[in-house]
Protein backbone atom coordinates (compact mmCIF):
# COMPACT_ATOMS: atom_id res chain seq x y z
CA MET A 1 38.29 -3.29 163.82
CA SER A 2 40.68 -5.63 165.63
CA VAL A 3 44.01 -6.76 164.28
CA THR A 4 42.80 -10.36 164.34
CA VAL A 5 39.77 -9.58 162.18
CA LYS A 6 41.92 -7.60 159.72
CA LYS A 7 44.33 -10.53 159.36
CA THR A 8 41.43 -12.92 158.80
CA ILE A 9 39.93 -10.70 156.06
CA ASN A 10 43.32 -10.32 154.38
CA ARG A 11 43.78 -14.08 154.35
CA ILE A 12 40.33 -14.65 152.83
CA SER A 13 40.98 -12.05 150.15
CA PHE A 14 44.33 -13.61 149.30
CA ILE A 15 42.75 -17.08 149.00
CA CYS A 16 40.00 -15.72 146.70
CA VAL A 17 42.58 -14.08 144.46
CA ILE A 18 44.57 -17.33 144.22
CA ALA A 19 41.39 -19.33 143.47
CA ALA A 20 40.38 -16.89 140.74
CA VAL A 21 43.80 -17.17 139.13
CA VAL A 22 43.73 -20.99 139.25
CA VAL A 23 40.21 -21.16 137.79
CA GLY A 24 41.12 -18.68 135.09
CA CYS A 25 44.21 -20.65 134.11
CA SER A 26 42.30 -23.92 134.14
CA SER A 27 39.60 -22.41 131.96
CA LYS A 28 42.11 -21.13 129.44
CA SER A 29 43.97 -24.41 129.46
CA GLY A 30 40.71 -26.31 128.85
CA ASP A 31 39.68 -23.99 126.00
CA GLY A 32 43.06 -24.41 124.41
CA THR A 33 42.94 -28.20 124.66
CA GLN A 34 39.41 -28.33 123.25
CA ALA A 35 40.33 -26.05 120.38
CA THR A 36 43.37 -28.18 119.58
CA ALA A 37 41.30 -31.38 119.63
CA SER A 38 38.64 -29.83 117.40
CA ALA A 39 41.24 -28.57 114.97
CA THR A 40 42.87 -31.99 114.84
CA ALA A 41 39.52 -33.69 114.21
CA SER A 42 38.61 -31.16 111.55
CA ALA A 43 41.95 -31.61 109.89
CA THR A 44 41.36 -35.37 109.39
CA PRO A 45 39.51 -35.80 106.09
CA LYS A 46 36.56 -38.20 106.17
CA SER A 47 37.61 -39.56 102.81
CA THR A 48 40.94 -40.67 104.29
CA THR A 49 39.13 -42.55 107.05
CA ASN A 50 36.78 -44.23 104.56
CA ALA A 51 39.66 -45.14 102.25
CA ALA A 52 41.58 -46.70 105.13
CA ALA A 53 38.51 -48.70 106.14
CA SER A 54 38.01 -50.05 102.61
CA GLU A 55 41.66 -51.00 102.27
CA ASP A 56 41.56 -52.66 105.69
CA LEU A 57 38.54 -54.87 104.81
CA LEU A 58 40.03 -56.12 101.55
CA ALA A 59 43.39 -56.62 103.25
CA SER A 60 41.66 -58.46 106.10
CA ILE A 61 39.89 -60.76 103.65
CA LYS A 62 43.14 -61.53 101.84
CA LYS A 63 44.97 -62.09 105.12
CA SER A 64 42.34 -64.57 106.32
CA GLY A 65 42.35 -66.31 102.95
CA LYS A 66 38.56 -66.35 102.72
CA ILE A 67 35.60 -64.10 102.04
CA LYS A 68 32.42 -64.72 104.04
CA ILE A 69 29.54 -65.06 101.57
CA GLY A 70 25.95 -64.87 102.79
CA LEU A 71 23.22 -66.66 100.83
CA MET A 72 19.90 -68.40 101.39
CA GLY A 73 20.85 -71.95 100.45
CA THR A 74 17.19 -72.72 99.63
CA TYR A 75 16.79 -70.91 96.30
CA ALA A 76 17.59 -73.37 93.51
CA PRO A 77 19.04 -73.05 90.95
CA TYR A 78 20.67 -69.89 92.34
CA ASN A 79 21.86 -71.29 95.66
CA PHE A 80 20.92 -74.51 97.47
CA LEU A 81 22.34 -77.51 99.34
CA ASN A 82 23.12 -80.43 97.01
CA ASP A 83 23.00 -84.14 97.84
CA LYS A 84 26.35 -83.83 99.61
CA HIS A 85 24.96 -80.99 101.76
CA GLU A 86 27.31 -78.54 100.03
CA VAL A 87 26.26 -75.08 98.90
CA ASP A 88 25.72 -75.26 95.15
CA GLY A 89 24.08 -73.32 92.33
CA PHE A 90 24.60 -70.35 90.04
CA ASP A 91 25.30 -67.85 92.83
CA ALA A 92 27.69 -70.29 94.51
CA ASP A 93 29.67 -70.82 91.30
CA VAL A 94 29.86 -67.08 90.65
CA ALA A 95 30.98 -66.44 94.24
CA LYS A 96 33.65 -69.16 94.12
CA GLU A 97 35.08 -67.85 90.87
CA VAL A 98 35.09 -64.23 92.07
CA ALA A 99 36.78 -65.28 95.31
CA LYS A 100 39.39 -67.23 93.36
CA ARG A 101 40.23 -64.18 91.27
CA ILE A 102 40.87 -61.99 94.31
CA GLY A 103 43.08 -64.70 95.78
CA VAL A 104 40.85 -66.23 98.47
CA GLN A 105 38.25 -68.95 99.02
CA ALA A 106 34.50 -68.47 99.37
CA ASP A 107 33.23 -69.30 102.87
CA PHE A 108 29.47 -69.83 102.52
CA ILE A 109 27.13 -68.97 105.40
CA THR A 110 23.42 -69.67 104.82
CA GLY A 111 20.44 -67.89 106.36
CA GLU A 112 16.91 -66.70 105.68
CA PHE A 113 16.81 -63.80 103.25
CA SER A 114 15.05 -61.53 105.74
CA GLY A 115 18.13 -61.65 107.99
CA LEU A 116 20.91 -61.55 105.39
CA ILE A 117 21.04 -57.78 104.92
CA GLU A 118 21.16 -57.21 108.69
CA GLY A 119 23.93 -59.80 108.90
CA LEU A 120 25.89 -57.92 106.25
CA GLN A 121 25.68 -54.69 108.25
CA THR A 122 26.85 -56.42 111.45
CA SER A 123 29.84 -57.98 109.62
CA LYS A 124 28.54 -61.55 109.83
CA TYR A 125 29.13 -61.59 106.07
CA ASP A 126 31.62 -59.74 103.88
CA ALA A 127 29.32 -59.95 100.86
CA LEU A 128 25.92 -61.28 99.79
CA VAL A 129 25.68 -63.33 96.60
CA THR A 130 22.06 -64.45 96.75
CA GLN A 131 20.04 -62.63 94.10
CA VAL A 132 19.95 -59.33 95.97
CA THR A 133 18.06 -57.00 93.65
CA ILE A 134 19.71 -53.63 93.11
CA THR A 135 17.33 -50.85 94.16
CA ASP A 136 17.72 -47.16 94.97
CA ASP A 137 16.50 -47.79 98.51
CA ARG A 138 19.07 -50.52 99.14
CA LYS A 139 21.84 -48.36 97.68
CA LYS A 140 21.37 -46.04 100.67
CA THR A 141 22.73 -48.67 103.05
CA MET A 142 24.95 -50.90 100.90
CA ASP A 143 27.02 -50.91 97.73
CA PHE A 144 26.56 -53.22 94.75
CA SER A 145 28.84 -54.70 92.15
CA THR A 146 27.89 -54.40 88.50
CA PRO A 147 24.81 -56.58 87.82
CA TYR A 148 25.52 -60.23 87.06
CA ILE A 149 21.99 -61.37 86.12
CA LYS A 150 18.62 -60.01 84.99
CA ASN A 151 15.49 -61.71 86.35
CA SER A 152 12.08 -61.27 84.72
CA VAL A 153 9.35 -61.59 87.36
CA SER A 154 6.02 -63.17 86.39
CA VAL A 155 2.67 -64.00 87.99
CA ILE A 156 2.37 -67.70 88.86
CA VAL A 157 -0.92 -69.55 89.49
CA LYS A 158 -2.29 -73.13 89.57
CA ASN A 159 -2.88 -74.74 86.20
CA ASP A 160 -6.65 -74.73 86.69
CA ASN A 161 -6.83 -71.09 87.81
CA THR A 162 -8.72 -68.95 85.30
CA SER A 163 -9.51 -65.94 87.50
CA VAL A 164 -5.97 -64.50 87.72
CA LYS A 165 -4.37 -63.50 84.44
CA GLY A 166 -2.10 -60.75 85.78
CA ILE A 167 -1.49 -58.37 88.69
CA GLU A 168 -4.68 -56.46 87.82
CA ASP A 169 -6.63 -59.51 89.09
CA PHE A 170 -5.01 -59.57 92.54
CA LYS A 171 -7.79 -57.60 94.26
CA GLY A 172 -9.40 -59.66 97.03
CA LYS A 173 -6.95 -62.54 96.53
CA LYS A 174 -4.22 -64.13 98.68
CA ILE A 175 -0.83 -63.48 97.09
CA GLY A 176 2.37 -65.17 98.27
CA VAL A 177 5.81 -63.53 98.18
CA GLY A 178 9.28 -63.89 99.73
CA LEU A 179 9.66 -62.10 103.08
CA GLY A 180 11.97 -59.09 102.90
CA THR A 181 12.45 -59.38 99.14
CA ASN A 182 12.21 -56.71 96.50
CA ASP A 183 9.10 -58.52 95.24
CA GLU A 184 7.38 -57.92 98.59
CA THR A 185 8.25 -54.21 98.40
CA TYR A 186 6.91 -54.12 94.84
CA LEU A 187 3.57 -55.66 95.89
CA ARG A 188 3.10 -53.32 98.85
CA ASN A 189 4.30 -50.07 97.30
CA GLU A 190 3.22 -50.39 93.67
CA VAL A 191 0.64 -53.12 93.12
CA LEU A 192 -1.60 -52.57 96.19
CA PRO A 193 -2.21 -48.86 95.49
CA LYS A 194 -2.85 -49.66 91.84
CA VAL A 195 -5.27 -52.63 91.95
CA GLY A 196 -6.87 -52.41 95.40
CA THR A 197 -6.69 -54.42 98.60
CA PHE A 198 -5.45 -58.02 98.62
CA ASN A 199 -3.88 -60.24 101.28
CA ILE A 200 -0.07 -60.58 101.13
CA VAL A 201 1.26 -63.83 102.57
CA THR A 202 5.04 -63.85 103.17
CA TYR A 203 7.43 -66.83 103.03
CA ASN A 204 11.04 -67.49 104.02
CA ASP A 205 11.68 -69.76 101.02
CA VAL A 206 10.34 -70.37 97.53
CA ILE A 207 9.51 -74.06 97.94
CA THR A 208 6.96 -73.35 100.70
CA SER A 209 5.23 -70.65 98.68
CA LEU A 210 4.96 -72.94 95.65
CA THR A 211 3.72 -75.81 97.85
CA ASP A 212 0.97 -73.56 99.23
CA LEU A 213 0.11 -72.37 95.72
CA ASN A 214 -0.11 -75.94 94.45
CA ALA A 215 -2.37 -76.85 97.39
CA GLY A 216 -4.64 -73.86 96.82
CA ARG A 217 -3.77 -72.08 100.08
CA ILE A 218 -2.82 -68.95 98.12
CA ASP A 219 -4.18 -67.74 94.78
CA ALA A 220 -0.95 -66.59 93.16
CA THR A 221 2.67 -65.64 93.73
CA ILE A 222 5.26 -63.66 91.81
CA ASN A 223 8.73 -64.93 90.99
CA ASN A 224 10.95 -65.57 88.00
CA VAL A 225 11.03 -68.62 85.73
CA PHE A 226 14.70 -69.36 86.46
CA ALA A 227 13.84 -69.72 90.14
CA ILE A 228 10.73 -71.88 89.91
CA GLN A 229 11.53 -74.23 87.02
CA PRO A 230 13.75 -76.73 88.92
CA LEU A 231 11.30 -76.85 91.83
CA VAL A 232 8.32 -77.37 89.51
CA GLU A 233 10.05 -80.25 87.73
CA LYS A 234 11.29 -81.93 90.93
CA ASN A 235 8.03 -81.65 92.86
CA HIS A 236 5.61 -82.02 89.93
CA PHE A 237 3.76 -78.86 90.88
CA GLN A 238 0.72 -78.16 88.71
CA ILE A 239 1.40 -74.44 88.29
CA LYS A 240 2.02 -72.02 85.43
CA THR A 241 3.05 -68.45 84.64
CA VAL A 242 0.41 -66.11 83.21
CA GLY A 243 0.58 -62.87 81.27
CA ALA A 244 3.67 -60.84 80.43
CA SER A 245 6.47 -60.37 82.96
CA VAL A 246 5.55 -57.69 85.50
CA LYS A 247 9.06 -56.32 85.95
CA ASP A 248 12.77 -56.94 85.34
CA ASP A 249 15.17 -57.06 88.30
CA PHE A 250 18.96 -56.83 88.25
CA ALA A 251 20.99 -58.57 90.95
CA GLY A 252 24.50 -57.69 92.11
CA ILE A 253 26.99 -58.65 94.81
CA ALA A 254 26.10 -56.60 97.91
CA ILE A 255 28.71 -55.29 100.37
CA ARG A 256 28.81 -52.74 103.19
CA LYS A 257 29.21 -49.13 102.12
CA ASN A 258 32.59 -47.34 101.99
CA ASN A 259 34.62 -50.36 100.91
CA ALA A 260 35.81 -49.06 97.56
CA GLU A 261 38.84 -51.36 97.28
CA LEU A 262 36.75 -54.49 97.79
CA LEU A 263 34.07 -53.25 95.39
CA SER A 264 36.69 -52.58 92.72
CA ALA A 265 38.18 -56.06 93.20
CA LEU A 266 34.75 -57.68 92.82
CA ASN A 267 33.92 -55.68 89.70
CA ASN A 268 37.29 -56.47 88.12
CA ALA A 269 36.74 -60.18 88.75
CA LEU A 270 33.26 -60.09 87.16
CA THR A 271 34.60 -58.18 84.14
CA GLU A 272 37.38 -60.71 83.64
CA MET A 273 34.92 -63.62 83.93
CA LYS A 274 32.68 -62.11 81.26
CA SER A 275 35.63 -61.37 78.98
CA ASP A 276 37.27 -64.80 79.11
CA GLY A 277 34.05 -66.84 78.78
CA THR A 278 33.99 -68.22 82.34
CA PHE A 279 30.78 -66.40 83.21
CA LYS A 280 29.07 -67.73 80.06
CA GLN A 281 30.01 -71.29 81.03
CA ILE A 282 28.55 -70.86 84.52
CA PHE A 283 25.34 -69.27 83.16
CA GLN A 284 24.80 -72.01 80.57
CA LYS A 285 25.47 -74.71 83.16
CA TRP A 286 22.53 -73.59 85.29
CA PHE A 287 20.08 -72.01 82.83
CA LYS A 288 20.86 -73.72 79.50
CA VAL A 289 20.90 -70.34 77.72
CA ASP A 290 23.44 -67.59 77.08
CA PRO A 291 23.83 -64.80 79.69
CA ASN A 292 21.07 -62.20 79.60
CA ILE A 293 23.29 -59.35 80.73
């Protein structure tokens, strides 16, 4: 073997050794960095992160001086636009008083109910005060204040309707209901399997469903007396409730999950309102009766 070839082989061997050492060091350095990062991440409690987030949202609301409230604005007497085109109603009064007690103003943003929950999750709203029924399914994606009203849901038909006396008579009929509401879920998941097939017609507001009912385009709808009474009186609808109430719903203020500080502030405000008589005054103003919860 020539001297030149030997030198070439020695150089190649030396380079391979150096490369192996560099790769080995890099590998160890990478493992060490990854382990450190993992340990740091593991050492940060999730509860601390959630607590910081909740404190930040409440602090952000107080810093801005307003809380963004989502509601329909078409659901009298709960929430609607008055003659001055201002958001008014039971929900609006509750929201304004709660906001006042946490030191901010209520900033109302209206929208169709079917889009309100999505808007809450995307931070378009800080809270929903629009008769959001508290359900186990909704609790998976949002948190609720203590209930501030109980709504008894009844079957509603035209005055001359004698064929529908309750939900057991829905089979083969056209039944109207609010799109995306708990009432729609109730019809699909509980009533349909129980009484047989019927056609569910969904609506974005109550007035349209009652107008269709009055005109005979649907056979019945379900809603609560508090909700329909002002609309019946104003529009002279020839409709009535039949049978006993089909269910009782409880509504609360809905917020995004993991905002414990905000939830506590809302609950404290509601408790104070009930204790000092303010809530009773608001309830009587809109429903002419004492609070039912």
